[in-house]
Amino acid sequence: MTEVEPGSVTRSPNAASSLGAPRSENPPGPWAVFGVAAVLVCAVGVVFAGAGDLGTVEYDDPDYVTRNAYVQAGMTWEGLRWAAT
C-alpha cells in the first residue's frame, strides 16, 4: 500500500463527478439530446396551450402607455430619465 501525504486528494479515473453521478464512458448522442429538447418543448406547449384564449388585463396601461406624454414623445433623454426614476 502506498502512503498518501496528509491533505492530498487522490482520485481514480472513474471517480464520481462533483454532482455525485458516475462519469459516463459513452455520452448521449445528438439524437438523445434532441429527443429531450423535443419532449421539453412539447411539455411547455401542453402547459401553456390554453393561455391564448385568455384576455388581457388593462389596469394602468392608459396612465403609463397610451396617454403618457413621455412615452408618446418617443426615445428622448428626458423620457429615459423619467423611466429610470
C-alpha atoms as a PDB file:
ATOM      1  CA  MET A   1       0.000   0.000   0.000  1.00  0.00           C
ATOM      2  CA  THR A   2       1.287   3.462  -0.879  1.00  0.00           C
ATOM      3  CA  GLU A   3       1.437   6.227   1.625  1.00  0.00           C
ATOM      4  CA  VAL A   4      -0.575   9.363   0.944  1.00  0.00           C
ATOM      5  CA  GLU A   5       0.575  12.731   2.170  1.00  0.00           C
ATOM      6  CA  PRO A   6      -1.796  14.400   4.632  1.00  0.00           C
ATOM      7  CA  GLY A   7      -4.075  16.903   2.950  1.00  0.00           C
ATOM      8  CA  SER A   8      -3.636  15.459  -0.534  1.00  0.00           C
ATOM      9  CA  VAL A   9      -6.594  14.173  -2.506  1.00  0.00           C
ATOM     10  CA  THR A  10      -6.401  11.192  -4.773  1.00  0.00           C
ATOM     11  CA  ARG A  11      -8.963  10.297  -7.382  1.00  0.00           C
ATOM     12  CA  SER A  12      -9.366   7.355  -9.617  1.00  0.00           C
ATOM     13  CA  PRO A  13     -10.266   7.999 -13.282  1.00  0.00           C
ATOM     14  CA  ASN A  14     -13.777   6.605 -12.710  1.00  0.00           C
ATOM     15  CA  ALA A  15     -14.471   8.612  -9.548  1.00  0.00           C
ATOM     16  CA  ALA A  16     -17.818  10.299  -9.162  1.00  0.00           C
ATOM     17  CA  SER A  17     -18.179  13.807 -10.508  1.00  0.00           C
ATOM     18  CA  SER A  18     -18.909  16.801  -8.307  1.00  0.00           C
ATOM     19  CA  LEU A  19     -22.651  16.119  -8.646  1.00  0.00           C
ATOM     20  CA  GLY A  20     -22.313  12.597  -7.346  1.00  0.00           C
ATOM     21  CA  ALA A  21     -23.088  10.811 -10.619  1.00  0.00           C
ATOM     22  CA  PRO A  22     -20.522   8.461 -12.114  1.00  0.00           C
ATOM     23  CA  ARG A  23     -18.785   9.653 -15.245  1.00  0.00           C
ATOM     24  CA  SER A  24     -20.157   8.136 -18.416  1.00  0.00           C
ATOM     25  CA  GLU A  25     -17.893   6.432 -20.883  1.00  0.00           C
ATOM     26  CA  ASN A  26     -20.495   6.996 -23.632  1.00  0.00           C
ATOM     27  CA  PRO A  27     -22.037  10.488 -23.507  1.00  0.00           C
ATOM     28  CA  PRO A  28     -25.533  10.835 -25.001  1.00  0.00           C
ATOM     29  CA  GLY A  29     -25.619  11.257 -28.748  1.00  0.00           C
ATOM     30  CA  PRO A  30     -27.161  14.198 -30.612  1.00  0.00           C
ATOM     31  CA  TRP A  31     -30.457  12.329 -31.139  1.00  0.00           C
ATOM     32  CA  ALA A  32     -30.830  11.781 -27.404  1.00  0.00           C
ATOM     33  CA  VAL A  33     -30.245  15.476 -26.723  1.00  0.00           C
ATOM     34  CA  PHE A  34     -32.713  16.375 -29.482  1.00  0.00           C
ATOM     35  CA  GLY A  35     -35.267  13.954 -28.001  1.00  0.00           C
ATOM     36  CA  VAL A  36     -35.027  15.511 -24.545  1.00  0.00           C
ATOM     37  CA  ALA A  37     -35.354  19.003 -26.032  1.00  0.00           C
ATOM     38  CA  ALA A  38     -38.401  17.931 -28.088  1.00  0.00           C
ATOM     39  CA  VAL A  39     -40.095  16.459 -25.018  1.00  0.00           C
ATOM     40  CA  LEU A  40     -39.479  19.679 -23.072  1.00  0.00           C
ATOM     41  CA  VAL A  41     -40.867  21.835 -25.898  1.00  0.00           C
ATOM     42  CA  CYS A  42     -43.976  19.654 -26.121  1.00  0.00           C
ATOM     43  CA  ALA A  43     -44.462  19.775 -22.342  1.00  0.00           C
ATOM     44  CA  VAL A  44     -44.278  23.575 -22.345  1.00  0.00           C
ATOM     45  CA  GLY A  45     -46.731  23.677 -25.260  1.00  0.00           C
ATOM     46  CA  VAL A  46     -49.214  21.483 -23.385  1.00  0.00           C
ATOM     47  CA  VAL A  47     -48.942  23.573 -20.224  1.00  0.00           C
ATOM     48  CA  PHE A  48     -49.428  26.926 -21.982  1.00  0.00           C
ATOM     49  CA  ALA A  49     -51.821  25.824 -24.760  1.00  0.00           C
ATOM     50  CA  GLY A  50     -54.850  27.429 -23.126  1.00  0.00           C
ATOM     51  CA  ALA A  51     -53.152  30.769 -22.474  1.00  0.00           C
ATOM     52  CA  GLY A  52     -54.037  32.042 -25.970  1.00  0.00           C
ATOM     53  CA  ASP A  53     -57.732  32.127 -25.076  1.00  0.00           C
ATOM     54  CA  LEU A  54     -57.219  34.322 -22.014  1.00  0.00           C
ATOM     55  CA  GLY A  55     -57.931  38.030 -22.165  1.00  0.00           C
ATOM     56  CA  THR A  56     -55.630  40.819 -21.147  1.00  0.00           C
ATOM     57  CA  VAL A  57     -55.783  42.997 -18.063  1.00  0.00           C
ATOM     58  CA  GLU A  58     -55.501  46.757 -18.507  1.00  0.00           C
ATOM     59  CA  TYR A  59     -55.128  48.160 -15.006  1.00  0.00           C
ATOM     60  CA  ASP A  60     -52.749  51.016 -15.685  1.00  0.00           C
ATOM     61  CA  ASP A  61     -51.988  50.889 -19.426  1.00  0.00           C
ATOM     62  CA  PRO A  62     -53.768  54.173 -20.212  1.00  0.00           C
ATOM     63  CA  ASP A  63     -51.890  56.027 -17.479  1.00  0.00           C
ATOM     64  CA  TYR A  64     -48.421  54.671 -18.258  1.00  0.00           C
ATOM     65  CA  VAL A  65     -48.572  53.967 -22.005  1.00  0.00           C
ATOM     66  CA  THR A  66     -51.364  55.316 -24.171  1.00  0.00           C
ATOM     67  CA  ARG A  67     -51.881  58.710 -22.508  1.00  0.00           C
ATOM     68  CA  ASN A  68     -48.341  59.236 -21.226  1.00  0.00           C
ATOM     69  CA  ALA A  69     -46.582  62.278 -22.689  1.00  0.00           C
ATOM     70  CA  TYR A  70     -43.099  60.812 -22.078  1.00  0.00           C
ATOM     71  CA  VAL A  71     -43.944  57.602 -23.945  1.00  0.00           C
ATOM     72  CA  GLN A  72     -45.718  59.409 -26.782  1.00  0.00           C
ATOM     73  CA  ALA A  73     -42.668  61.670 -27.296  1.00  0.00           C
ATOM     74  CA  GLY A  74     -40.538  58.661 -28.282  1.00  0.00           C
ATOM     75  CA  MET A  75     -36.998  57.896 -27.188  1.00  0.00           C
ATOM     76  CA  THR A  76     -35.634  61.060 -25.635  1.00  0.00           C
ATOM     77  CA  TRP A  77     -33.098  61.649 -22.875  1.00  0.00           C
ATOM     78  CA  GLU A  78     -35.831  63.184 -20.745  1.00  0.00           C
ATOM     79  CA  GLY A  79     -38.050  60.158 -21.326  1.00  0.00           C
ATOM     80  CA  LEU A  80     -35.239  57.770 -20.399  1.00  0.00           C
ATOM     81  CA  ARG A  81     -34.562  59.778 -17.230  1.00  0.00           C
ATOM     82  CA  TRP A  82     -38.286  59.608 -16.358  1.00  0.00           C
ATOM     83  CA  ALA A  83     -38.410  55.856 -16.967  1.00  0.00           C
ATOM     84  CA  ALA A  84     -35.323  55.194 -14.838  1.00  0.00           C
ATOM     85  CA  THR A  85     -36.621  57.102 -11.811  1.00  0.00           C
END
